Amino acid sequence: MNIHVPNLRSIMKSRPMVRCCAFGQLCNPKLIEMVGHLGAFDAIWLDQEHAGLTTAQIEEGSRAAKSVGLPAFVRLPATDYASVMRPLEAGASGIMASMVRSAAEVRNIVQWAKFFPVGGRGVNGTGVDGGYGQYPAASYFAASNEKTFVAIQIEHKDAVDQVDEIASIAGVDLLFVGPADLSQSMGLPGEWQHPRVIAALEKVSIASKAHGVAWGILPRDKAHADQCRAMGCQLFSIGMDVWFFQLGLREYISRWEGYFPG
């Protein structure tokens, strides 16, 4: 049975607001399937940066996401060519590069993620994304370039300084703000509402509109999401596996509060 998996790049172009969530410390195919069956999200992302996910875990997670009709992209530290290419060959729908500081880095990332004529990614169609060698080369290159989603995290003040140039680079689909790291890099750890942090978000918003590139964020709450939405934010990452488990655990325990002595 072939399950249609929406192209995340197409989703971003067709919907005013996109919801996603993250899997990292508790990344498991069954949990991903449960989220997909719930029908509350448009995509998921797998956190290789902080959870150290293996290529096998990315492959299994991406396969589980596809089984429930969800595109899955991978957050990763884009330290070299292999770090970007391998998750794509494992079947991920795209990548999100963390801790980017310059437009020069972004140009490398696009080169590593896309085939000619957009980039110069190495050719090996024997992975999941190439149908294990069953796709003709020409169609494989074109289909991969069309569906591969490239997000750049704007989570350092240096990236904010170059965000207009970053947004102008062909092949970039999303600017994703990490407010925790961004505020820290500005010497304002945790002060998400500080005027300088808000000014940085506004700068991202202006670059996004100027170059037709979407931007997203992991909002603190609904009020923060509303604030970002007013600035044109389109993609909202509204949870992750550990948070889901903690909230569910507390809710379930509360149902039995006072029942057991001591």
C-alpha atoms as a PDB file:
ATOM      1  CA  MET A   1       0.000   0.000   0.000  1.00  0.00           C
ATOM      2  CA  ASN A   2       1.379   3.383  -0.999  1.00  0.00           C
ATOM      3  CA  ILE A   3       0.637   6.110   1.541  1.00  0.00           C
ATOM      4  CA  HIS A   4       0.682   9.666   0.274  1.00  0.00           C
ATOM      5  CA  VAL A   5       3.113  11.810   2.245  1.00  0.00           C
ATOM      6  CA  PRO A   6       2.561  15.528   1.681  1.00  0.00           C
ATOM      7  CA  ASN A   7       5.543  17.502   0.458  1.00  0.00           C
ATOM      8  CA  LEU A   8       6.491  19.836   3.311  1.00  0.00           C
ATOM      9  CA  ARG A   9       7.658  22.496   0.873  1.00  0.00           C
ATOM     10  CA  SER A  10       4.197  22.407  -0.726  1.00  0.00           C
ATOM     11  CA  ILE A  11       2.511  22.500   2.676  1.00  0.00           C
ATOM     12  CA  MET A  12       4.429  25.647   3.568  1.00  0.00           C
ATOM     13  CA  LYS A  13       3.285  27.290   0.352  1.00  0.00           C
ATOM     14  CA  SER A  14      -0.374  26.353   0.702  1.00  0.00           C
ATOM     15  CA  ARG A  15      -1.199  26.839   4.395  1.00  0.00           C
ATOM     16  CA  PRO A  16      -1.080  30.044   6.445  1.00  0.00           C
ATOM     17  CA  MET A  17      -0.138  28.162   9.620  1.00  0.00           C
ATOM     18  CA  VAL A  18       1.750  24.884   9.968  1.00  0.00           C
ATOM     19  CA  ARG A  19       1.986  22.787  13.152  1.00  0.00           C
ATOM     20  CA  CYS A  20       4.809  20.426  13.965  1.00  0.00           C
ATOM     21  CA  CYS A  21       6.342  18.724  16.986  1.00  0.00           C
ATOM     22  CA  ALA A  22       9.686  17.158  17.853  1.00  0.00           C
ATOM     23  CA  PHE A  23      11.022  13.751  18.812  1.00  0.00           C
ATOM     24  CA  GLY A  24      14.393  13.410  20.506  1.00  0.00           C
ATOM     25  CA  GLN A  25      15.017  11.779  23.878  1.00  0.00           C
ATOM     26  CA  LEU A  26      12.004   9.470  23.514  1.00  0.00           C
ATOM     27  CA  CYS A  27      12.196   9.029  19.747  1.00  0.00           C
ATOM     28  CA  ASN A  28      10.395   5.797  18.931  1.00  0.00           C
ATOM     29  CA  PRO A  29       8.506   4.719  15.803  1.00  0.00           C
ATOM     30  CA  LYS A  30       5.420   3.725  17.795  1.00  0.00           C
ATOM     31  CA  LEU A  31       5.156   7.140  19.449  1.00  0.00           C
ATOM     32  CA  ILE A  32       5.533   8.822  16.059  1.00  0.00           C
ATOM     33  CA  GLU A  33       2.740   6.654  14.686  1.00  0.00           C
ATOM     34  CA  MET A  34       0.535   7.583  17.660  1.00  0.00           C
ATOM     35  CA  VAL A  35       1.056  11.281  16.963  1.00  0.00           C
ATOM     36  CA  GLY A  36       0.262  10.745  13.304  1.00  0.00           C
ATOM     37  CA  HIS A  37      -2.954   8.869  14.045  1.00  0.00           C
ATOM     38  CA  LEU A  38      -4.025  11.735  16.320  1.00  0.00           C
ATOM     39  CA  GLY A  39      -4.095  13.978  13.243  1.00  0.00           C
ATOM     40  CA  ALA A  40      -3.108  17.155  15.078  1.00  0.00           C
ATOM     41  CA  PHE A  41       0.175  17.902  13.291  1.00  0.00           C
ATOM     42  CA  ASP A  42       1.318  18.673   9.760  1.00  0.00           C
ATOM     43  CA  ALA A  43       4.891  17.410  10.205  1.00  0.00           C
ATOM     44  CA  ILE A  44       7.399  16.197  12.774  1.00  0.00           C
ATOM     45  CA  TRP A  45      11.098  16.834  13.255  1.00  0.00           C
ATOM     46  CA  LEU A  46      13.722  14.535  14.705  1.00  0.00           C
ATOM     47  CA  ASP A  47      16.269  16.116  17.025  1.00  0.00           C
ATOM     48  CA  GLN A  48      19.677  14.715  16.171  1.00  0.00           C
ATOM     49  CA  GLU A  49      21.411  17.789  17.589  1.00  0.00           C
ATOM     50  CA  HIS A  50      20.533  17.230  21.237  1.00  0.00           C
ATOM     51  CA  ALA A  51      19.466  13.568  21.291  1.00  0.00           C
ATOM     52  CA  GLY A  52      22.309  12.185  19.174  1.00  0.00           C
ATOM     53  CA  LEU A  53      19.982  10.095  16.999  1.00  0.00           C
ATOM     54  CA  THR A  54      21.708   7.475  14.874  1.00  0.00           C
ATOM     55  CA  THR A  55      21.174   7.090  11.148  1.00  0.00           C
ATOM     56  CA  ALA A  56      19.176   3.942  11.896  1.00  0.00           C
ATOM     57  CA  GLN A  57      16.916   5.851  14.298  1.00  0.00           C
ATOM     58  CA  ILE A  58      16.370   8.562  11.694  1.00  0.00           C
ATOM     59  CA  GLU A  59      15.512   5.928   9.100  1.00  0.00           C
ATOM     60  CA  GLU A  60      13.034   4.212  11.444  1.00  0.00           C
ATOM     61  CA  GLY A  61      11.518   7.505  12.579  1.00  0.00           C
ATOM     62  CA  SER A  62      11.125   8.790   9.028  1.00  0.00           C
ATOM     63  CA  ARG A  63       9.545   5.505   7.946  1.00  0.00           C
ATOM     64  CA  ALA A  64       7.079   5.640  10.849  1.00  0.00           C
ATOM     65  CA  ALA A  65       6.178   9.235   9.974  1.00  0.00           C
ATOM     66  CA  LYS A  66       5.588   8.325   6.340  1.00  0.00           C
ATOM     67  CA  SER A  67       3.353   5.422   7.408  1.00  0.00           C
ATOM     68  CA  VAL A  68       0.943   7.946   8.954  1.00  0.00           C
ATOM     69  CA  GLY A  69       1.269  10.529   6.184  1.00  0.00           C
ATOM     70  CA  LEU A  70       3.627  12.947   7.917  1.00  0.00           C
ATOM     71  CA  PRO A  71       6.801  14.478   6.473  1.00  0.00           C
ATOM     72  CA  ALA A  72       9.747  14.327   8.870  1.00  0.00           C
ATOM     73  CA  PHE A  73      12.795  16.578   8.852  1.00  0.00           C
ATOM     74  CA  VAL A  74      15.921  16.333  10.990  1.00  0.00           C
ATOM     75  CA  ARG A  75      17.497  19.029  13.143  1.00  0.00           C
ATOM     76  CA  LEU A  76      21.246  18.570  13.004  1.00  0.00           C
ATOM     77  CA  PRO A  77      24.527  20.398  13.458  1.00  0.00           C
ATOM     78  CA  ALA A  78      25.606  20.866   9.826  1.00  0.00           C
ATOM     79  CA  THR A  79      29.286  20.387  10.524  1.00  0.00           C
ATOM     80  CA  ASP A  80      30.145  18.763   7.206  1.00  0.00           C
ATOM     81  CA  TYR A  81      28.754  17.233   4.025  1.00  0.00           C
ATOM     82  CA  ALA A  82      27.994  13.811   5.535  1.00  0.00           C
ATOM     83  CA  SER A  83      26.044  15.292   8.443  1.00  0.00           C
ATOM     84  CA  VAL A  84      23.558  16.797   5.979  1.00  0.00           C
ATOM     85  CA  MET A  85      23.495  14.099   3.308  1.00  0.00           C
ATOM     86  CA  ARG A  86      23.043  10.949   5.431  1.00  0.00           C
ATOM     87  CA  PRO A  87      19.679  11.834   7.027  1.00  0.00           C
ATOM     88  CA  LEU A  88      18.323  12.569   3.546  1.00  0.00           C
ATOM     89  CA  GLU A  89      19.492   9.217   2.219  1.00  0.00           C
ATOM     90  CA  ALA A  90      17.885   7.636   5.309  1.00  0.00           C
ATOM     91  CA  GLY A  91      14.522   8.929   4.119  1.00  0.00           C
ATOM     92  CA  ALA A  92      14.049  12.225   5.929  1.00  0.00           C
ATOM     93  CA  SER A  93      12.003  14.816   4.061  1.00  0.00           C
ATOM     94  CA  GLY A  94      14.520  17.533   4.865  1.00  0.00           C
ATOM     95  CA  ILE A  95      16.973  18.986   7.331  1.00  0.00           C
ATOM     96  CA  MET A  96      17.100  21.878   9.777  1.00  0.00           C
ATOM     97  CA  ALA A  97      20.608  23.164  10.413  1.00  0.00           C
ATOM     98  CA  SER A  98      21.268  24.320  13.954  1.00  0.00           C
ATOM     99  CA  MET A  99      23.596  27.004  15.302  1.00  0.00           C
ATOM    100  CA  VAL A 100      24.197  28.580  11.897  1.00  0.00           C
ATOM    101  CA  ARG A 101      26.060  31.881  12.112  1.00  0.00           C
ATOM    102  CA  SER A 102      26.722  33.005   8.552  1.00  0.00           C
ATOM    103  CA  ALA A 103      25.453  33.078   4.989  1.00  0.00           C
ATOM    104  CA  ALA A 104      28.610  31.229   3.921  1.00  0.00           C
ATOM    105  CA  GLU A 105      27.573  28.280   6.098  1.00  0.00           C
ATOM    106  CA  VAL A 106      24.109  28.316   4.554  1.00  0.00           C
ATOM    107  CA  ARG A 107      25.514  28.164   1.030  1.00  0.00           C
ATOM    108  CA  ASN A 108      27.449  25.029   1.997  1.00  0.00           C
ATOM    109  CA  ILE A 109      24.346  23.469   3.561  1.00  0.00           C
ATOM    110  CA  VAL A 110      22.294  23.992   0.395  1.00  0.00           C
ATOM    111  CA  GLN A 111      25.138  22.548  -1.678  1.00  0.00           C
ATOM    112  CA  TRP A 112      25.187  19.444   0.531  1.00  0.00           C
ATOM    113  CA  ALA A 113      21.393  18.984   0.553  1.00  0.00           C
ATOM    114  CA  LYS A 114      20.517  19.541  -3.114  1.00  0.00           C
ATOM    115  CA  PHE A 115      21.551  18.002  -6.396  1.00  0.00           C
ATOM    116  CA  PHE A 116      22.508  19.923  -9.564  1.00  0.00           C
ATOM    117  CA  PRO A 117      21.502  22.525 -10.615  1.00  0.00           C
ATOM    118  CA  VAL A 118      20.747  23.854  -7.117  1.00  0.00           C
ATOM    119  CA  GLY A 119      23.600  22.161  -5.291  1.00  0.00           C
ATOM    120  CA  GLY A 120      26.266  19.518  -5.547  1.00  0.00           C
ATOM    121  CA  ARG A 121      25.100  16.683  -3.291  1.00  0.00           C
ATOM    122  CA  GLY A 122      26.890  13.399  -3.877  1.00  0.00           C
ATOM    123  CA  VAL A 123      25.033  10.856  -5.983  1.00  0.00           C
ATOM    124  CA  ASN A 124      23.975   7.549  -4.437  1.00  0.00           C
ATOM    125  CA  GLY A 125      20.458   6.414  -5.165  1.00  0.00           C
ATOM    126  CA  THR A 126      20.695   3.152  -3.208  1.00  0.00           C
ATOM    127  CA  GLY A 127      19.291   4.606   0.015  1.00  0.00           C
ATOM    128  CA  VAL A 128      15.694   4.892   1.183  1.00  0.00           C
ATOM    129  CA  ASP A 129      15.229   8.185  -0.653  1.00  0.00           C
ATOM    130  CA  GLY A 130      16.354   6.642  -3.954  1.00  0.00           C
ATOM    131  CA  GLY A 131      14.044   3.640  -3.705  1.00  0.00           C
ATOM    132  CA  TYR A 132      17.080   1.427  -3.094  1.00  0.00           C
ATOM    133  CA  GLY A 133      18.359   2.044  -6.606  1.00  0.00           C
ATOM    134  CA  GLN A 134      15.036   1.644  -8.418  1.00  0.00           C
ATOM    135  CA  TYR A 135      14.575   5.261  -9.547  1.00  0.00           C
ATOM    136  CA  PRO A 136      16.096   6.524 -12.816  1.00  0.00           C
ATOM    137  CA  ALA A 137      18.850   9.033 -12.097  1.00  0.00           C
ATOM    138  CA  ALA A 138      17.258  12.024 -13.817  1.00  0.00           C
ATOM    139  CA  SER A 139      13.900  11.641 -12.087  1.00  0.00           C
ATOM    140  CA  TYR A 140      15.605  10.914  -8.756  1.00  0.00           C
ATOM    141  CA  PHE A 141      17.582  14.174  -8.900  1.00  0.00           C
ATOM    142  CA  ALA A 142      14.560  16.250  -9.874  1.00  0.00           C
ATOM    143  CA  ALA A 143      12.210  14.653  -7.339  1.00  0.00           C
ATOM    144  CA  SER A 144      14.739  14.983  -4.550  1.00  0.00           C
ATOM    145  CA  ASN A 145      15.369  18.661  -5.241  1.00  0.00           C
ATOM    146  CA  GLU A 146      11.641  19.295  -5.352  1.00  0.00           C
ATOM    147  CA  LYS A 147      10.792  17.581  -2.058  1.00  0.00           C
ATOM    148  CA  THR A 148      13.899  18.196   0.078  1.00  0.00           C
ATOM    149  CA  PHE A 149      13.089  20.791   2.714  1.00  0.00           C
ATOM    150  CA  VAL A 150      15.910  23.025   3.969  1.00  0.00           C
ATOM    151  CA  ALA A 151      15.452  25.010   7.180  1.00  0.00           C
ATOM    152  CA  ILE A 152      18.065  27.249   8.760  1.00  0.00           C
ATOM    153  CA  GLN A 153      17.959  27.979  12.465  1.00  0.00           C
ATOM    154  CA  ILE A 154      18.375  31.620  13.376  1.00  0.00           C
ATOM    155  CA  GLU A 155      19.445  31.160  16.966  1.00  0.00           C
ATOM    156  CA  HIS A 156      22.565  33.289  17.239  1.00  0.00           C
ATOM    157  CA  LYS A 157      23.008  37.034  17.021  1.00  0.00           C
ATOM    158  CA  ASP A 158      25.566  36.563  14.226  1.00  0.00           C
ATOM    159  CA  ALA A 159      22.893  34.848  12.098  1.00  0.00           C
ATOM    160  CA  VAL A 160      20.482  37.704  12.817  1.00  0.00           C
ATOM    161  CA  ASP A 161      23.112  40.137  11.549  1.00  0.00           C
ATOM    162  CA  GLN A 162      23.203  38.234   8.231  1.00  0.00           C
ATOM    163  CA  VAL A 163      19.571  37.096   8.072  1.00  0.00           C
ATOM    164  CA  ASP A 164      18.718  39.143   4.975  1.00  0.00           C
ATOM    165  CA  GLU A 165      21.534  37.522   3.014  1.00  0.00           C
ATOM    166  CA  ILE A 166      20.675  34.097   4.428  1.00  0.00           C
ATOM    167  CA  ALA A 167      17.035  34.462   3.355  1.00  0.00           C
ATOM    168  CA  SER A 168      18.122  35.419  -0.161  1.00  0.00           C
ATOM    169  CA  ILE A 169      19.978  32.141  -0.791  1.00  0.00           C
ATOM    170  CA  ALA A 170      18.211  29.882  -3.286  1.00  0.00           C
ATOM    171  CA  GLY A 171      17.232  26.561  -1.750  1.00  0.00           C
ATOM    172  CA  VAL A 172      16.369  27.879   1.713  1.00  0.00           C
ATOM    173  CA  ASP A 173      12.738  27.126   2.605  1.00  0.00           C
ATOM    174  CA  LEU A 174      12.469  28.221   6.229  1.00  0.00           C
ATOM    175  CA  LEU A 175      14.128  30.421   8.829  1.00  0.00           C
ATOM    176  CA  PHE A 176      13.507  28.823  12.223  1.00  0.00           C
ATOM    177  CA  VAL A 177      14.120  30.955  15.304  1.00  0.00           C
ATOM    178  CA  GLY A 178      15.434  29.308  18.459  1.00  0.00           C
ATOM    179  CA  PRO A 179      14.573  31.949  21.084  1.00  0.00           C
ATOM    180  CA  ALA A 180      16.391  30.263  23.977  1.00  0.00           C
ATOM    181  CA  ASP A 181      19.768  30.123  22.236  1.00  0.00           C
ATOM    182  CA  LEU A 182      19.196  33.441  20.494  1.00  0.00           C
ATOM    183  CA  SER A 183      18.549  35.261  23.767  1.00  0.00           C
ATOM    184  CA  GLN A 184      21.602  33.586  25.293  1.00  0.00           C
ATOM    185  CA  SER A 185      23.838  34.680  22.423  1.00  0.00           C
ATOM    186  CA  MET A 186      22.659  38.252  23.026  1.00  0.00           C
ATOM    187  CA  GLY A 187      23.597  38.083  26.693  1.00  0.00           C
ATOM    188  CA  LEU A 188      19.916  37.887  27.666  1.00  0.00           C
ATOM    189  CA  PRO A 189      19.352  34.219  28.544  1.00  0.00           C
ATOM    190  CA  GLY A 190      15.676  33.407  28.891  1.00  0.00           C
ATOM    191  CA  GLU A 191      14.526  36.998  28.282  1.00  0.00           C
ATOM    192  CA  TRP A 192      12.386  36.203  25.263  1.00  0.00           C
ATOM    193  CA  GLN A 193      10.399  39.424  25.615  1.00  0.00           C
ATOM    194  CA  HIS A 194      13.406  41.715  25.900  1.00  0.00           C
ATOM    195  CA  PRO A 195      13.173  44.538  23.312  1.00  0.00           C
ATOM    196  CA  ARG A 196      16.420  43.418  21.660  1.00  0.00           C
ATOM    197  CA  VAL A 197      15.134  39.864  21.248  1.00  0.00           C
ATOM    198  CA  ILE A 198      11.831  41.128  19.829  1.00  0.00           C
ATOM    199  CA  ALA A 199      13.782  43.402  17.479  1.00  0.00           C
ATOM    200  CA  ALA A 200      15.697  40.327  16.272  1.00  0.00           C
ATOM    201  CA  LEU A 201      12.410  38.552  15.516  1.00  0.00           C
ATOM    202  CA  GLU A 202      11.249  41.593  13.588  1.00  0.00           C
ATOM    203  CA  LYS A 203      14.449  41.522  11.560  1.00  0.00           C
ATOM    204  CA  VAL A 204      13.821  37.863  10.714  1.00  0.00           C
ATOM    205  CA  SER A 205      10.248  38.727   9.743  1.00  0.00           C
ATOM    206  CA  ILE A 206      11.392  41.517   7.416  1.00  0.00           C
ATOM    207  CA  ALA A 207      13.938  39.235   5.703  1.00  0.00           C
ATOM    208  CA  SER A 208      11.313  36.510   5.385  1.00  0.00           C
ATOM    209  CA  LYS A 209       8.855  38.822   3.626  1.00  0.00           C
ATOM    210  CA  ALA A 210      11.507  40.427   1.440  1.00  0.00           C
ATOM    211  CA  HIS A 211      12.681  37.112  -0.008  1.00  0.00           C
ATOM    212  CA  GLY A 212       9.514  35.012   0.124  1.00  0.00           C
ATOM    213  CA  VAL A 213      10.920  32.566   2.668  1.00  0.00           C
ATOM    214  CA  ALA A 214       8.755  31.326   5.527  1.00  0.00           C
ATOM    215  CA  TRP A 215       9.826  31.603   9.132  1.00  0.00           C
ATOM    216  CA  GLY A 216       8.985  29.546  12.183  1.00  0.00           C
ATOM    217  CA  ILE A 217       9.556  29.326  15.911  1.00  0.00           C
ATOM    218  CA  LEU A 218       9.176  27.168  18.985  1.00  0.00           C
ATOM    219  CA  PRO A 219       6.815  29.458  20.916  1.00  0.00           C
ATOM    220  CA  ARG A 220       6.682  29.567  24.700  1.00  0.00           C
ATOM    221  CA  ASP A 221       2.865  29.694  24.824  1.00  0.00           C
ATOM    222  CA  LYS A 222      -0.207  30.882  22.902  1.00  0.00           C
ATOM    223  CA  ALA A 223       0.463  34.537  23.703  1.00  0.00           C
ATOM    224  CA  HIS A 224       3.994  34.251  22.338  1.00  0.00           C
ATOM    225  CA  ALA A 225       2.664  32.425  19.272  1.00  0.00           C
ATOM    226  CA  ASP A 226       0.144  35.232  18.690  1.00  0.00           C
ATOM    227  CA  GLN A 227       2.944  37.783  18.922  1.00  0.00           C
ATOM    228  CA  CYS A 228       5.003  35.906  16.342  1.00  0.00           C
ATOM    229  CA  ARG A 229       2.007  35.285  14.102  1.00  0.00           C
ATOM    230  CA  ALA A 230       1.412  39.032  13.985  1.00  0.00           C
ATOM    231  CA  MET A 231       4.945  39.302  12.577  1.00  0.00           C
ATOM    232  CA  GLY A 232       4.192  36.755   9.847  1.00  0.00           C
ATOM    233  CA  CYS A 233       5.387  33.555  11.507  1.00  0.00           C
ATOM    234  CA  GLN A 234       4.018  30.524   9.688  1.00  0.00           C
ATOM    235  CA  LEU A 235       5.461  27.364  11.238  1.00  0.00           C
ATOM    236  CA  PHE A 236       4.956  26.643  14.928  1.00  0.00           C
ATOM    237  CA  SER A 237       6.690  23.797  16.737  1.00  0.00           C
ATOM    238  CA  ILE A 238       4.333  23.290  19.649  1.00  0.00           C
ATOM    239  CA  GLY A 239       5.763  20.408  21.608  1.00  0.00           C
ATOM    240  CA  MET A 240       8.211  17.561  21.922  1.00  0.00           C
ATOM    241  CA  ASP A 241       8.169  14.004  23.166  1.00  0.00           C
ATOM    242  CA  VAL A 242       9.455  14.630  26.715  1.00  0.00           C
ATOM    243  CA  TRP A 243       6.986  17.471  27.267  1.00  0.00           C
ATOM    244  CA  PHE A 244       4.099  15.311  26.049  1.00  0.00           C
ATOM    245  CA  PHE A 245       5.080  12.514  28.418  1.00  0.00           C
ATOM    246  CA  GLN A 246       5.552  14.845  31.390  1.00  0.00           C
ATOM    247  CA  LEU A 247       2.200  16.558  30.856  1.00  0.00           C
ATOM    248  CA  GLY A 248       0.388  13.255  30.355  1.00  0.00           C
ATOM    249  CA  LEU A 249       2.057  11.721  33.397  1.00  0.00           C
ATOM    250  CA  ARG A 250       1.105  14.633  35.640  1.00  0.00           C
ATOM    251  CA  GLU A 251      -2.462  14.649  34.322  1.00  0.00           C
ATOM    252  CA  TYR A 252      -2.867  10.922  34.908  1.00  0.00           C
ATOM    253  CA  ILE A 253      -1.396  11.088  38.415  1.00  0.00           C
ATOM    254  CA  SER A 254      -3.742  13.973  39.249  1.00  0.00           C
ATOM    255  CA  ARG A 255      -6.715  11.725  38.513  1.00  0.00           C
ATOM    256  CA  TRP A 256      -5.670   9.543  41.471  1.00  0.00           C
ATOM    257  CA  GLU A 257      -4.752  12.379  43.805  1.00  0.00           C
ATOM    258  CA  GLY A 258      -5.812  11.651  47.407  1.00  0.00           C
ATOM    259  CA  TYR A 259      -6.732   8.042  46.693  1.00  0.00           C
ATOM    260  CA  PHE A 260      -3.652   6.405  48.186  1.00  0.00           C
ATOM    261  CA  PRO A 261      -2.619   7.160  51.783  1.00  0.00           C
ATOM    262  CA  GLY A 262       0.753   8.766  52.504  1.00  0.00           C
END
